[in-house]
Amino acid sequence: MKIALVQDWLTEFGGAEKVFRSIYDIYPDADIYTLVYNPEVLEKMKISEDRVTASFIQRLPFGKTKYRNYLPFFTKAIESFDLSQYDLIISSSYSVAKGILANSSQVHICYCHSPVRYAWDLYHQYLNEAGLKKGLKSIIVKYYLHRLRIWDVISTYRVDYFICNSNYIKNRIAKVYRRTAKVIYPPVSVEQFPFVSKKEDYFITCSRLVPYKRVDLIVQAFSLLPHLKLKVIGDGPEMAKIKLLGRSNIEILGYQEDNVLKRELSNARAFVFAAEEDFGIIPIEAQACGTPIIAFGKGGALETVIENETGVFLTSRLLNL
């Protein structure tokens, strides 16, 4: 049986990429298709570049780094792949990967991390944070996101079976796509995170620094609590903004290797998590270290954190949402 694995992009090593790597572990002879990839990320994931086929976006100016600017081409790019030679297609999708074209003799299984966030649930938040509520650029962006929503629903008919990462996303898939999904929680290597009972005097948060992760909100809160120390691990488009919000009690560590992340998670008083996350792998890794969670009480965290035992939840009122 010939198998193709499809991922939206392989440009950073986050939770979706960890899931994709686990799928690849099951099917190491599969060929990989993605909109764009970073060779350094492939090396970190231990995937040979010879197995990976990228779309034409990879060859466009700044395609490897500024690929999100090519959003209007995403649907055309994913449909440009000819996968007619494969028997089984497995897509790992939170953007357009599930829209791969398949024929009637093929089976397409989609592991859906979420319907496209910035086109559905986070649409208005995305426009507000990007300053796109008014003006010519706003009209253009709204037009393309409208087109993306139509395509996104139509492309669900190309999927034979949906798998998702939480009951929270199962309900979102039912709402947006009117499809039933099977929940298979993402794999988390909890045995690799050492349990530490004696904690040091600091809090920690770790994620990609993008708006919906709400790391800026965490940093603002700790800026008002100078007697509490916070460490921030991660990198992304919001780095400059977060550095400006920080104070002397906040340490911005940027991207860190796994050994540093494990050490910092293990020794922290608590892990702070303000995102309405689809599932959330790092909070589970933190709990494996014996580090309690302070999380926003919505999304996947409700399925992984036991209130008043392994963590506590923040309400929408406290987050001023």
C-alpha atoms as a PDB file:
ATOM      1  CA  MET A   1       0.000   0.000   0.000  1.00  0.00           C
ATOM      2  CA  LYS A   2       1.354   3.406  -0.997  1.00  0.00           C
ATOM      3  CA  ILE A   3       0.813   6.125   1.599  1.00  0.00           C
ATOM      4  CA  ALA A   4       1.057   9.917   1.409  1.00  0.00           C
ATOM      5  CA  LEU A   5       1.213  12.149   4.488  1.00  0.00           C
ATOM      6  CA  VAL A   6       0.130  15.777   4.126  1.00  0.00           C
ATOM      7  CA  GLN A   7       0.938  18.581   6.577  1.00  0.00           C
ATOM      8  CA  ASP A   8       0.021  22.271   6.208  1.00  0.00           C
ATOM      9  CA  TRP A   9       3.644  23.386   6.661  1.00  0.00           C
ATOM     10  CA  LEU A  10       6.791  22.203   8.417  1.00  0.00           C
ATOM     11  CA  THR A  11       8.418  25.476   9.408  1.00  0.00           C
ATOM     12  CA  GLU A  12       8.462  25.135  13.204  1.00  0.00           C
ATOM     13  CA  PHE A  13       8.384  22.276  15.668  1.00  0.00           C
ATOM     14  CA  GLY A  14       5.188  22.747  17.658  1.00  0.00           C
ATOM     15  CA  GLY A  15       2.392  20.477  18.854  1.00  0.00           C
ATOM     16  CA  ALA A  16       0.931  19.747  15.405  1.00  0.00           C
ATOM     17  CA  GLU A  17       4.398  18.834  14.138  1.00  0.00           C
ATOM     18  CA  LYS A  18       4.914  16.455  17.081  1.00  0.00           C
ATOM     19  CA  VAL A  19       1.678  14.709  16.125  1.00  0.00           C
ATOM     20  CA  PHE A  20       2.757  14.575  12.490  1.00  0.00           C
ATOM     21  CA  ARG A  21       6.106  13.086  13.503  1.00  0.00           C
ATOM     22  CA  SER A  22       4.262  10.368  15.442  1.00  0.00           C
ATOM     23  CA  ILE A  23       2.144   9.564  12.377  1.00  0.00           C
ATOM     24  CA  TYR A  24       5.338   9.352  10.329  1.00  0.00           C
ATOM     25  CA  ASP A  25       6.767   6.933  12.914  1.00  0.00           C
ATOM     26  CA  ILE A  26       3.866   4.594  12.090  1.00  0.00           C
ATOM     27  CA  TYR A  27       4.382   4.964   8.326  1.00  0.00           C
ATOM     28  CA  PRO A  28       8.128   5.613   7.831  1.00  0.00           C
ATOM     29  CA  ASP A  29       7.962   4.673   4.139  1.00  0.00           C
ATOM     30  CA  ALA A  30       5.296   7.268   3.352  1.00  0.00           C
ATOM     31  CA  ASP A  31       5.942  10.276   1.143  1.00  0.00           C
ATOM     32  CA  ILE A  32       5.360  13.727   2.637  1.00  0.00           C
ATOM     33  CA  TYR A  33       3.651  16.723   1.019  1.00  0.00           C
ATOM     34  CA  THR A  34       3.516  20.213   2.524  1.00  0.00           C
ATOM     35  CA  LEU A  35       3.023  23.814   1.422  1.00  0.00           C
ATOM     36  CA  VAL A  36       6.456  24.867   2.643  1.00  0.00           C
ATOM     37  CA  TYR A  37       9.191  23.483   4.897  1.00  0.00           C
ATOM     38  CA  ASN A  38      12.308  24.541   6.761  1.00  0.00           C
ATOM     39  CA  PRO A  39      15.251  22.106   6.327  1.00  0.00           C
ATOM     40  CA  GLU A  40      16.337  22.756   9.934  1.00  0.00           C
ATOM     41  CA  VAL A  41      12.915  21.714  11.195  1.00  0.00           C
ATOM     42  CA  LEU A  42      13.031  18.535   9.105  1.00  0.00           C
ATOM     43  CA  GLU A  43      16.418  17.743  10.624  1.00  0.00           C
ATOM     44  CA  LYS A  44      15.024  18.290  14.121  1.00  0.00           C
ATOM     45  CA  MET A  45      12.095  16.006  13.274  1.00  0.00           C
ATOM     46  CA  LYS A  46      14.532  13.445  11.832  1.00  0.00           C
ATOM     47  CA  ILE A  47      12.796  13.462   8.462  1.00  0.00           C
ATOM     48  CA  SER A  48      14.880  13.180   5.303  1.00  0.00           C
ATOM     49  CA  GLU A  49      14.417  16.098   2.923  1.00  0.00           C
ATOM     50  CA  ASP A  50      14.333  13.547   0.076  1.00  0.00           C
ATOM     51  CA  ARG A  51      10.946  12.324   1.302  1.00  0.00           C
ATOM     52  CA  VAL A  52       9.356  15.780   1.267  1.00  0.00           C
ATOM     53  CA  THR A  53       7.631  17.549  -1.631  1.00  0.00           C
ATOM     54  CA  ALA A  54       6.801  21.242  -1.166  1.00  0.00           C
ATOM     55  CA  SER A  55       4.335  23.372  -3.119  1.00  0.00           C
ATOM     56  CA  PHE A  56       5.247  26.253  -5.410  1.00  0.00           C
ATOM     57  CA  ILE A  57       5.043  28.606  -2.391  1.00  0.00           C
ATOM     58  CA  GLN A  58       8.438  27.254  -1.319  1.00  0.00           C
ATOM     59  CA  ARG A  59       9.965  28.880  -4.412  1.00  0.00           C
ATOM     60  CA  LEU A  60       8.239  32.251  -4.114  1.00  0.00           C
ATOM     61  CA  PRO A  61      10.132  35.261  -2.667  1.00  0.00           C
ATOM     62  CA  PHE A  62      10.415  34.808   1.121  1.00  0.00           C
ATOM     63  CA  GLY A  63       8.183  31.748   0.778  1.00  0.00           C
ATOM     64  CA  LYS A  64      10.052  29.814   3.473  1.00  0.00           C
ATOM     65  CA  THR A  65       9.631  32.504   6.122  1.00  0.00           C
ATOM     66  CA  LYS A  66       6.764  34.809   5.090  1.00  0.00           C
ATOM     67  CA  TYR A  67       4.519  32.077   3.702  1.00  0.00           C
ATOM     68  CA  ARG A  68       1.456  33.380   5.589  1.00  0.00           C
ATOM     69  CA  ASN A  69       1.519  36.380   3.245  1.00  0.00           C
ATOM     70  CA  TYR A  70       0.627  33.959   0.451  1.00  0.00           C
ATOM     71  CA  LEU A  71      -2.686  32.990   2.080  1.00  0.00           C
ATOM     72  CA  PRO A  72      -4.667  33.636  -1.147  1.00  0.00           C
ATOM     73  CA  PHE A  73      -2.590  30.894  -2.831  1.00  0.00           C
ATOM     74  CA  PHE A  74      -2.917  28.251  -0.104  1.00  0.00           C
ATOM     75  CA  THR A  75      -5.918  26.456  -1.614  1.00  0.00           C
ATOM     76  CA  LYS A  76      -4.411  26.392  -5.111  1.00  0.00           C
ATOM     77  CA  ALA A  77      -1.098  25.185  -3.679  1.00  0.00           C
ATOM     78  CA  ILE A  78      -2.592  22.253  -1.773  1.00  0.00           C
ATOM     79  CA  GLU A  79      -4.681  21.233  -4.793  1.00  0.00           C
ATOM     80  CA  SER A  80      -1.600  21.305  -7.034  1.00  0.00           C
ATOM     81  CA  PHE A  81      -0.261  18.037  -5.608  1.00  0.00           C
ATOM     82  CA  ASP A  82      -0.954  14.948  -7.712  1.00  0.00           C
ATOM     83  CA  LEU A  83      -1.497  12.095  -5.230  1.00  0.00           C
ATOM     84  CA  SER A  84      -3.259   9.760  -7.659  1.00  0.00           C
ATOM     85  CA  GLN A  85      -0.569   7.080  -7.194  1.00  0.00           C
ATOM     86  CA  TYR A  86      -1.366   6.560  -3.494  1.00  0.00           C
ATOM     87  CA  ASP A  87      -3.829   4.183  -1.849  1.00  0.00           C
ATOM     88  CA  LEU A  88      -4.058   5.993   1.484  1.00  0.00           C
ATOM     89  CA  ILE A  89      -3.777   9.722   2.242  1.00  0.00           C
ATOM     90  CA  ILE A  90      -3.409  10.954   5.827  1.00  0.00           C
ATOM     91  CA  SER A  91      -3.586  14.704   6.321  1.00  0.00           C
ATOM     92  CA  SER A  92      -2.612  16.570   9.476  1.00  0.00           C
ATOM     93  CA  SER A  93      -4.570  19.780   9.123  1.00  0.00           C
ATOM     94  CA  TYR A  94      -5.309  23.051  10.899  1.00  0.00           C
ATOM     95  CA  SER A  95      -5.369  25.085   7.699  1.00  0.00           C
ATOM     96  CA  VAL A  96      -5.724  23.624   4.188  1.00  0.00           C
ATOM     97  CA  ALA A  97      -4.021  20.189   4.248  1.00  0.00           C
ATOM     98  CA  LYS A  98      -7.349  18.365   4.382  1.00  0.00           C
ATOM     99  CA  GLY A  99      -8.244  19.916   0.999  1.00  0.00           C
ATOM    100  CA  ILE A 100      -5.870  17.670  -0.919  1.00  0.00           C
ATOM    101  CA  LEU A 101      -7.514  16.232  -4.048  1.00  0.00           C
ATOM    102  CA  ALA A 102      -8.264  12.510  -3.879  1.00  0.00           C
ATOM    103  CA  ASN A 103     -10.090  10.172  -6.239  1.00  0.00           C
ATOM    104  CA  SER A 104     -12.876   7.682  -5.493  1.00  0.00           C
ATOM    105  CA  SER A 105     -10.513   4.704  -5.116  1.00  0.00           C
ATOM    106  CA  GLN A 106      -8.421   6.353  -2.399  1.00  0.00           C
ATOM    107  CA  VAL A 107      -9.023   6.609   1.342  1.00  0.00           C
ATOM    108  CA  HIS A 108      -8.381  10.001   2.947  1.00  0.00           C
ATOM    109  CA  ILE A 109      -8.118  10.226   6.743  1.00  0.00           C
ATOM    110  CA  CYS A 110      -7.743  13.678   8.259  1.00  0.00           C
ATOM    111  CA  TYR A 111      -6.315  14.316  11.714  1.00  0.00           C
ATOM    112  CA  CYS A 112      -7.917  17.732  12.217  1.00  0.00           C
ATOM    113  CA  HIS A 113      -6.260  19.928  14.846  1.00  0.00           C
ATOM    114  CA  SER A 114      -8.915  22.587  14.268  1.00  0.00           C
ATOM    115  CA  PRO A 115     -11.018  24.145  11.521  1.00  0.00           C
ATOM    116  CA  VAL A 116      -9.082  27.141  10.179  1.00  0.00           C
ATOM    117  CA  ARG A 117      -8.937  29.381  13.264  1.00  0.00           C
ATOM    118  CA  TYR A 118      -8.473  32.761  11.583  1.00  0.00           C
ATOM    119  CA  ALA A 119     -11.341  32.081   9.161  1.00  0.00           C
ATOM    120  CA  TRP A 120     -13.841  30.869  11.774  1.00  0.00           C
ATOM    121  CA  ASP A 121     -13.551  31.158  15.574  1.00  0.00           C
ATOM    122  CA  LEU A 122     -10.796  33.784  15.616  1.00  0.00           C
ATOM    123  CA  TYR A 123     -11.964  35.758  12.582  1.00  0.00           C
ATOM    124  CA  HIS A 124     -12.876  39.000  14.370  1.00  0.00           C
ATOM    125  CA  GLN A 125      -9.993  38.691  16.835  1.00  0.00           C
ATOM    126  CA  TYR A 126      -7.586  38.265  13.915  1.00  0.00           C
ATOM    127  CA  LEU A 127      -8.925  41.354  12.130  1.00  0.00           C
ATOM    128  CA  ASN A 128      -8.761  43.452  15.311  1.00  0.00           C
ATOM    129  CA  GLU A 129      -5.222  42.422  16.238  1.00  0.00           C
ATOM    130  CA  ALA A 130      -3.968  42.893  12.671  1.00  0.00           C
ATOM    131  CA  GLY A 131      -5.620  46.314  12.392  1.00  0.00           C
ATOM    132  CA  LEU A 132      -7.776  45.134   9.513  1.00  0.00           C
ATOM    133  CA  LYS A 133     -11.251  46.268  10.560  1.00  0.00           C
ATOM    134  CA  LYS A 134     -11.298  49.148   8.050  1.00  0.00           C
ATOM    135  CA  GLY A 135      -9.613  50.259   4.844  1.00  0.00           C
ATOM    136  CA  LEU A 136      -8.725  48.807   1.462  1.00  0.00           C
ATOM    137  CA  LYS A 137      -6.448  46.104   2.888  1.00  0.00           C
ATOM    138  CA  SER A 138      -9.260  45.073   5.221  1.00  0.00           C
ATOM    139  CA  ILE A 139     -11.644  44.633   2.264  1.00  0.00           C
ATOM    140  CA  ILE A 140      -9.123  42.441   0.449  1.00  0.00           C
ATOM    141  CA  VAL A 141      -8.388  40.271   3.503  1.00  0.00           C
ATOM    142  CA  LYS A 142     -12.088  39.848   4.338  1.00  0.00           C
ATOM    143  CA  TYR A 143     -12.766  38.820   0.746  1.00  0.00           C
ATOM    144  CA  TYR A 144     -10.112  36.113   0.774  1.00  0.00           C
ATOM    145  CA  LEU A 145     -11.165  34.820   4.196  1.00  0.00           C
ATOM    146  CA  HIS A 146     -14.754  34.646   2.937  1.00  0.00           C
ATOM    147  CA  ARG A 147     -13.558  32.619  -0.056  1.00  0.00           C
ATOM    148  CA  LEU A 148     -11.485  30.428   2.285  1.00  0.00           C
ATOM    149  CA  ARG A 149     -14.527  29.627   4.451  1.00  0.00           C
ATOM    150  CA  ILE A 150     -16.500  28.485   1.393  1.00  0.00           C
ATOM    151  CA  TRP A 151     -13.592  26.352   0.177  1.00  0.00           C
ATOM    152  CA  ASP A 152     -12.983  25.030   3.695  1.00  0.00           C
ATOM    153  CA  VAL A 153     -16.504  23.602   3.967  1.00  0.00           C
ATOM    154  CA  ILE A 154     -16.502  22.219   0.411  1.00  0.00           C
ATOM    155  CA  SER A 155     -13.147  20.490   1.000  1.00  0.00           C
ATOM    156  CA  THR A 156     -14.552  18.487   3.944  1.00  0.00           C
ATOM    157  CA  TYR A 157     -16.282  16.278   1.364  1.00  0.00           C
ATOM    158  CA  ARG A 158     -12.834  15.142   0.246  1.00  0.00           C
ATOM    159  CA  VAL A 159     -12.243  13.512   3.648  1.00  0.00           C
ATOM    160  CA  ASP A 160     -13.512   9.998   4.328  1.00  0.00           C
ATOM    161  CA  TYR A 161     -12.786   9.921   8.071  1.00  0.00           C
ATOM    162  CA  PHE A 162     -12.104  12.730  10.541  1.00  0.00           C
ATOM    163  CA  ILE A 163      -9.950  12.246  13.616  1.00  0.00           C
ATOM    164  CA  CYS A 164      -9.488  15.103  16.087  1.00  0.00           C
ATOM    165  CA  ASN A 165      -7.374  15.921  19.132  1.00  0.00           C
ATOM    166  CA  SER A 166     -10.066  16.646  21.754  1.00  0.00           C
ATOM    167  CA  ASN A 167     -13.792  16.660  22.421  1.00  0.00           C
ATOM    168  CA  TYR A 168     -13.577  20.442  22.195  1.00  0.00           C
ATOM    169  CA  ILE A 169     -12.440  20.183  18.554  1.00  0.00           C
ATOM    170  CA  LYS A 170     -14.911  17.360  17.913  1.00  0.00           C
ATOM    171  CA  ASN A 171     -17.708  19.797  18.767  1.00  0.00           C
ATOM    172  CA  ARG A 172     -16.132  22.542  16.634  1.00  0.00           C
ATOM    173  CA  ILE A 173     -15.918  20.160  13.640  1.00  0.00           C
ATOM    174  CA  ALA A 174     -19.574  19.241  14.127  1.00  0.00           C
ATOM    175  CA  LYS A 175     -20.532  22.925  14.279  1.00  0.00           C
ATOM    176  CA  VAL A 176     -18.484  24.175  11.316  1.00  0.00           C
ATOM    177  CA  TYR A 177     -18.274  21.124   9.032  1.00  0.00           C
ATOM    178  CA  ARG A 178     -21.353  19.132  10.112  1.00  0.00           C
ATOM    179  CA  ARG A 179     -19.121  16.047  10.245  1.00  0.00           C
ATOM    180  CA  THR A 180     -18.532  13.476  12.982  1.00  0.00           C
ATOM    181  CA  ALA A 181     -14.974  13.034  14.236  1.00  0.00           C
ATOM    182  CA  LYS A 182     -13.293  10.395  16.365  1.00  0.00           C
ATOM    183  CA  VAL A 183     -11.214  11.729  19.262  1.00  0.00           C
ATOM    184  CA  ILE A 184      -7.675  10.372  19.476  1.00  0.00           C
ATOM    185  CA  TYR A 185      -5.647  12.439  21.922  1.00  0.00           C
ATOM    186  CA  PRO A 186      -2.187  13.496  20.711  1.00  0.00           C
ATOM    187  CA  PRO A 187       0.770  11.439  21.885  1.00  0.00           C
ATOM    188  CA  VAL A 188       2.756  13.033  24.716  1.00  0.00           C
ATOM    189  CA  SER A 189       6.092  11.541  25.877  1.00  0.00           C
ATOM    190  CA  VAL A 190       5.406  12.131  29.581  1.00  0.00           C
ATOM    191  CA  GLU A 191       8.185   9.728  30.587  1.00  0.00           C
ATOM    192  CA  GLN A 192      10.749  12.165  29.189  1.00  0.00           C
ATOM    193  CA  PHE A 193       9.769  14.898  31.667  1.00  0.00           C
ATOM    194  CA  PRO A 194      11.303  14.261  35.109  1.00  0.00           C
ATOM    195  CA  PHE A 195       9.072  14.692  38.164  1.00  0.00           C
ATOM    196  CA  VAL A 196      10.439  17.290  40.578  1.00  0.00           C
ATOM    197  CA  SER A 197       8.711  17.849  43.927  1.00  0.00           C
ATOM    198  CA  LYS A 198      10.862  20.738  45.181  1.00  0.00           C
ATOM    199  CA  LYS A 199      10.131  23.795  43.057  1.00  0.00           C
ATOM    200  CA  GLU A 200      12.013  27.038  42.534  1.00  0.00           C
ATOM    201  CA  ASP A 201      10.498  30.499  42.964  1.00  0.00           C
ATOM    202  CA  TYR A 202       9.320  31.332  39.423  1.00  0.00           C
ATOM    203  CA  PHE A 203       6.378  30.793  37.090  1.00  0.00           C
ATOM    204  CA  ILE A 204       6.722  29.765  33.443  1.00  0.00           C
ATOM    205  CA  THR A 205       4.858  29.939  30.155  1.00  0.00           C
ATOM    206  CA  CYS A 206       5.924  28.434  26.854  1.00  0.00           C
ATOM    207  CA  SER A 207       4.396  28.598  23.370  1.00  0.00           C
ATOM    208  CA  ARG A 208       4.706  30.057  19.901  1.00  0.00           C
ATOM    209  CA  LEU A 209       4.448  33.817  20.285  1.00  0.00           C
ATOM    210  CA  VAL A 210       1.356  34.374  18.159  1.00  0.00           C
ATOM    211  CA  PRO A 211      -1.714  36.433  19.162  1.00  0.00           C
ATOM    212  CA  TYR A 212      -4.170  33.641  20.028  1.00  0.00           C
ATOM    213  CA  LYS A 213      -1.721  32.120  22.531  1.00  0.00           C
ATOM    214  CA  ARG A 214      -2.200  35.307  24.626  1.00  0.00           C
ATOM    215  CA  VAL A 215       1.329  35.346  26.020  1.00  0.00           C
ATOM    216  CA  ASP A 216       1.104  39.155  25.966  1.00  0.00           C
ATOM    217  CA  LEU A 217      -1.736  38.937  28.502  1.00  0.00           C
ATOM    218  CA  ILE A 218       0.369  36.768  30.814  1.00  0.00           C
ATOM    219  CA  VAL A 219       3.304  39.173  30.563  1.00  0.00           C
ATOM    220  CA  GLN A 220       1.045  42.162  31.277  1.00  0.00           C
ATOM    221  CA  ALA A 221      -0.329  40.430  34.375  1.00  0.00           C
ATOM    222  CA  PHE A 222       3.125  39.676  35.773  1.00  0.00           C
ATOM    223  CA  SER A 223       4.238  43.227  34.972  1.00  0.00           C
ATOM    224  CA  LEU A 224       1.683  44.288  37.595  1.00  0.00           C
ATOM    225  CA  LEU A 225       3.062  41.718  40.070  1.00  0.00           C
ATOM    226  CA  PRO A 226       6.743  42.684  40.451  1.00  0.00           C
ATOM    227  CA  HIS A 227       7.216  40.334  43.431  1.00  0.00           C
ATOM    228  CA  LEU A 228       6.536  37.301  41.180  1.00  0.00           C
ATOM    229  CA  LYS A 229       9.065  36.040  38.648  1.00  0.00           C
ATOM    230  CA  LEU A 230       8.019  34.788  35.188  1.00  0.00           C
ATOM    231  CA  LYS A 231      10.033  32.978  32.509  1.00  0.00           C
ATOM    232  CA  VAL A 232       8.794  33.042  28.908  1.00  0.00           C
ATOM    233  CA  ILE A 233      10.020  30.396  26.460  1.00  0.00           C
ATOM    234  CA  GLY A 234       9.159  30.570  22.767  1.00  0.00           C
ATOM    235  CA  ASP A 235       9.564  32.655  19.652  1.00  0.00           C
ATOM    236  CA  GLY A 236       7.300  34.109  16.991  1.00  0.00           C
ATOM    237  CA  PRO A 237       5.825  37.263  15.447  1.00  0.00           C
ATOM    238  CA  GLU A 238       4.843  38.701  18.863  1.00  0.00           C
ATOM    239  CA  MET A 239       8.386  38.641  20.283  1.00  0.00           C
ATOM    240  CA  ALA A 240       9.042  42.387  19.903  1.00  0.00           C
ATOM    241  CA  LYS A 241       5.674  43.275  21.463  1.00  0.00           C
ATOM    242  CA  ILE A 242       6.208  40.948  24.417  1.00  0.00           C
ATOM    243  CA  LYS A 243       9.683  42.300  25.078  1.00  0.00           C
ATOM    244  CA  LEU A 244       8.230  45.815  25.261  1.00  0.00           C
ATOM    245  CA  LEU A 245       5.619  44.665  27.792  1.00  0.00           C
ATOM    246  CA  GLY A 246       8.154  42.921  30.019  1.00  0.00           C
ATOM    247  CA  ARG A 247       9.589  44.229  33.270  1.00  0.00           C
ATOM    248  CA  SER A 248      12.612  43.300  35.395  1.00  0.00           C
ATOM    249  CA  ASN A 249      10.762  40.363  36.986  1.00  0.00           C
ATOM    250  CA  ILE A 250      10.114  38.798  33.550  1.00  0.00           C
ATOM    251  CA  GLU A 251      12.780  36.808  31.722  1.00  0.00           C
ATOM    252  CA  ILE A 252      12.239  36.386  27.963  1.00  0.00           C
ATOM    253  CA  LEU A 253      14.250  33.295  27.010  1.00  0.00           C
ATOM    254  CA  GLY A 254      13.148  32.924  23.377  1.00  0.00           C
ATOM    255  CA  TYR A 255      13.367  29.543  21.697  1.00  0.00           C
ATOM    256  CA  GLN A 256      15.049  26.863  23.810  1.00  0.00           C
ATOM    257  CA  GLU A 257      16.106  23.286  23.130  1.00  0.00           C
ATOM    258  CA  ASP A 258      14.196  20.420  24.732  1.00  0.00           C
ATOM    259  CA  ASN A 259      16.709  19.874  27.526  1.00  0.00           C
ATOM    260  CA  VAL A 260      16.328  23.498  28.691  1.00  0.00           C
ATOM    261  CA  LEU A 261      12.532  23.369  28.389  1.00  0.00           C
ATOM    262  CA  LYS A 262      12.350  20.184  30.469  1.00  0.00           C
ATOM    263  CA  ARG A 263      14.561  21.673  33.182  1.00  0.00           C
ATOM    264  CA  GLU A 264      12.625  24.923  33.373  1.00  0.00           C
ATOM    265  CA  LEU A 265       9.226  23.172  33.360  1.00  0.00           C
ATOM    266  CA  SER A 266      10.330  20.769  36.078  1.00  0.00           C
ATOM    267  CA  ASN A 267      11.513  23.463  38.478  1.00  0.00           C
ATOM    268  CA  ALA A 268       8.735  26.037  38.028  1.00  0.00           C
ATOM    269  CA  ARG A 269       6.122  26.816  40.694  1.00  0.00           C
ATOM    270  CA  ALA A 270       3.381  26.685  38.048  1.00  0.00           C
ATOM    271  CA  PHE A 271       2.817  26.770  34.304  1.00  0.00           C
ATOM    272  CA  VAL A 272       0.612  29.662  33.109  1.00  0.00           C
ATOM    273  CA  PHE A 273      -1.593  29.015  30.071  1.00  0.00           C
ATOM    274  CA  ALA A 274      -3.973  31.723  28.831  1.00  0.00           C
ATOM    275  CA  ALA A 275      -4.911  30.394  25.372  1.00  0.00           C
ATOM    276  CA  GLU A 276      -8.206  28.822  24.388  1.00  0.00           C
ATOM    277  CA  GLU A 277      -6.217  25.912  23.049  1.00  0.00           C
ATOM    278  CA  ASP A 278      -7.456  23.020  20.914  1.00  0.00           C
ATOM    279  CA  PHE A 279      -5.702  20.485  23.141  1.00  0.00           C
ATOM    280  CA  GLY A 280      -2.422  21.752  24.602  1.00  0.00           C
ATOM    281  CA  ILE A 281       0.537  19.385  24.812  1.00  0.00           C
ATOM    282  CA  ILE A 282       2.836  21.499  27.012  1.00  0.00           C
ATOM    283  CA  PRO A 283       0.390  21.641  29.971  1.00  0.00           C
ATOM    284  CA  ILE A 284       0.474  17.832  30.029  1.00  0.00           C
ATOM    285  CA  GLU A 285       4.275  17.838  29.899  1.00  0.00           C
ATOM    286  CA  ALA A 286       4.274  20.294  32.810  1.00  0.00           C
ATOM    287  CA  GLN A 287       1.924  18.087  34.842  1.00  0.00           C
ATOM    288  CA  ALA A 288       4.233  15.138  34.179  1.00  0.00           C
ATOM    289  CA  CYS A 289       6.957  17.202  35.894  1.00  0.00           C
ATOM    290  CA  GLY A 290       4.695  17.745  38.897  1.00  0.00           C
ATOM    291  CA  THR A 291       4.248  21.393  37.901  1.00  0.00           C
ATOM    292  CA  PRO A 292       0.664  22.640  38.466  1.00  0.00           C
ATOM    293  CA  ILE A 293      -1.253  24.535  35.779  1.00  0.00           C
ATOM    294  CA  ILE A 294      -2.913  27.940  35.858  1.00  0.00           C
ATOM    295  CA  ALA A 295      -5.059  27.790  32.719  1.00  0.00           C
ATOM    296  CA  PHE A 296      -7.874  29.604  30.964  1.00  0.00           C
ATOM    297  CA  GLY A 297     -10.989  27.558  31.697  1.00  0.00           C
ATOM    298  CA  LYS A 298     -11.971  26.844  28.100  1.00  0.00           C
ATOM    299  CA  GLY A 299     -10.837  24.559  25.310  1.00  0.00           C
ATOM    300  CA  GLY A 300      -8.678  21.474  25.576  1.00  0.00           C
ATOM    301  CA  ALA A 301      -7.328  22.363  29.030  1.00  0.00           C
ATOM    302  CA  LEU A 302     -10.677  21.302  30.512  1.00  0.00           C
ATOM    303  CA  GLU A 303      -9.939  17.756  29.308  1.00  0.00           C
ATOM    304  CA  THR A 304      -6.356  17.536  30.581  1.00  0.00           C
ATOM    305  CA  VAL A 305      -6.227  19.520  33.840  1.00  0.00           C
ATOM    306  CA  ILE A 306      -8.016  18.274  36.980  1.00  0.00           C
ATOM    307  CA  GLU A 307      -9.303  21.361  38.754  1.00  0.00           C
ATOM    308  CA  ASN A 308      -7.883  21.896  42.253  1.00  0.00           C
ATOM    309  CA  GLU A 309      -5.744  18.753  41.901  1.00  0.00           C
ATOM    310  CA  THR A 310      -3.332  19.352  39.028  1.00  0.00           C
ATOM    311  CA  GLY A 311      -4.264  22.967  38.372  1.00  0.00           C
ATOM    312  CA  VAL A 312      -6.751  25.826  38.580  1.00  0.00           C
ATOM    313  CA  PHE A 313      -8.749  27.632  35.916  1.00  0.00           C
ATOM    314  CA  LEU A 314      -9.009  31.330  35.135  1.00  0.00           C
ATOM    315  CA  THR A 315     -12.387  32.704  34.081  1.00  0.00           C
ATOM    316  CA  SER A 316     -13.197  34.955  31.145  1.00  0.00           C
ATOM    317  CA  ARG A 317     -13.909  37.781  33.604  1.00  0.00           C
ATOM    318  CA  LEU A 318     -10.419  37.569  35.100  1.00  0.00           C
ATOM    319  CA  LEU A 319      -8.893  37.604  31.620  1.00  0.00           C
ATOM    320  CA  ASN A 320     -11.069  40.580  30.676  1.00  0.00           C
ATOM    321  CA  LEU A 321     -12.349  38.751  27.579  1.00  0.00           C
END
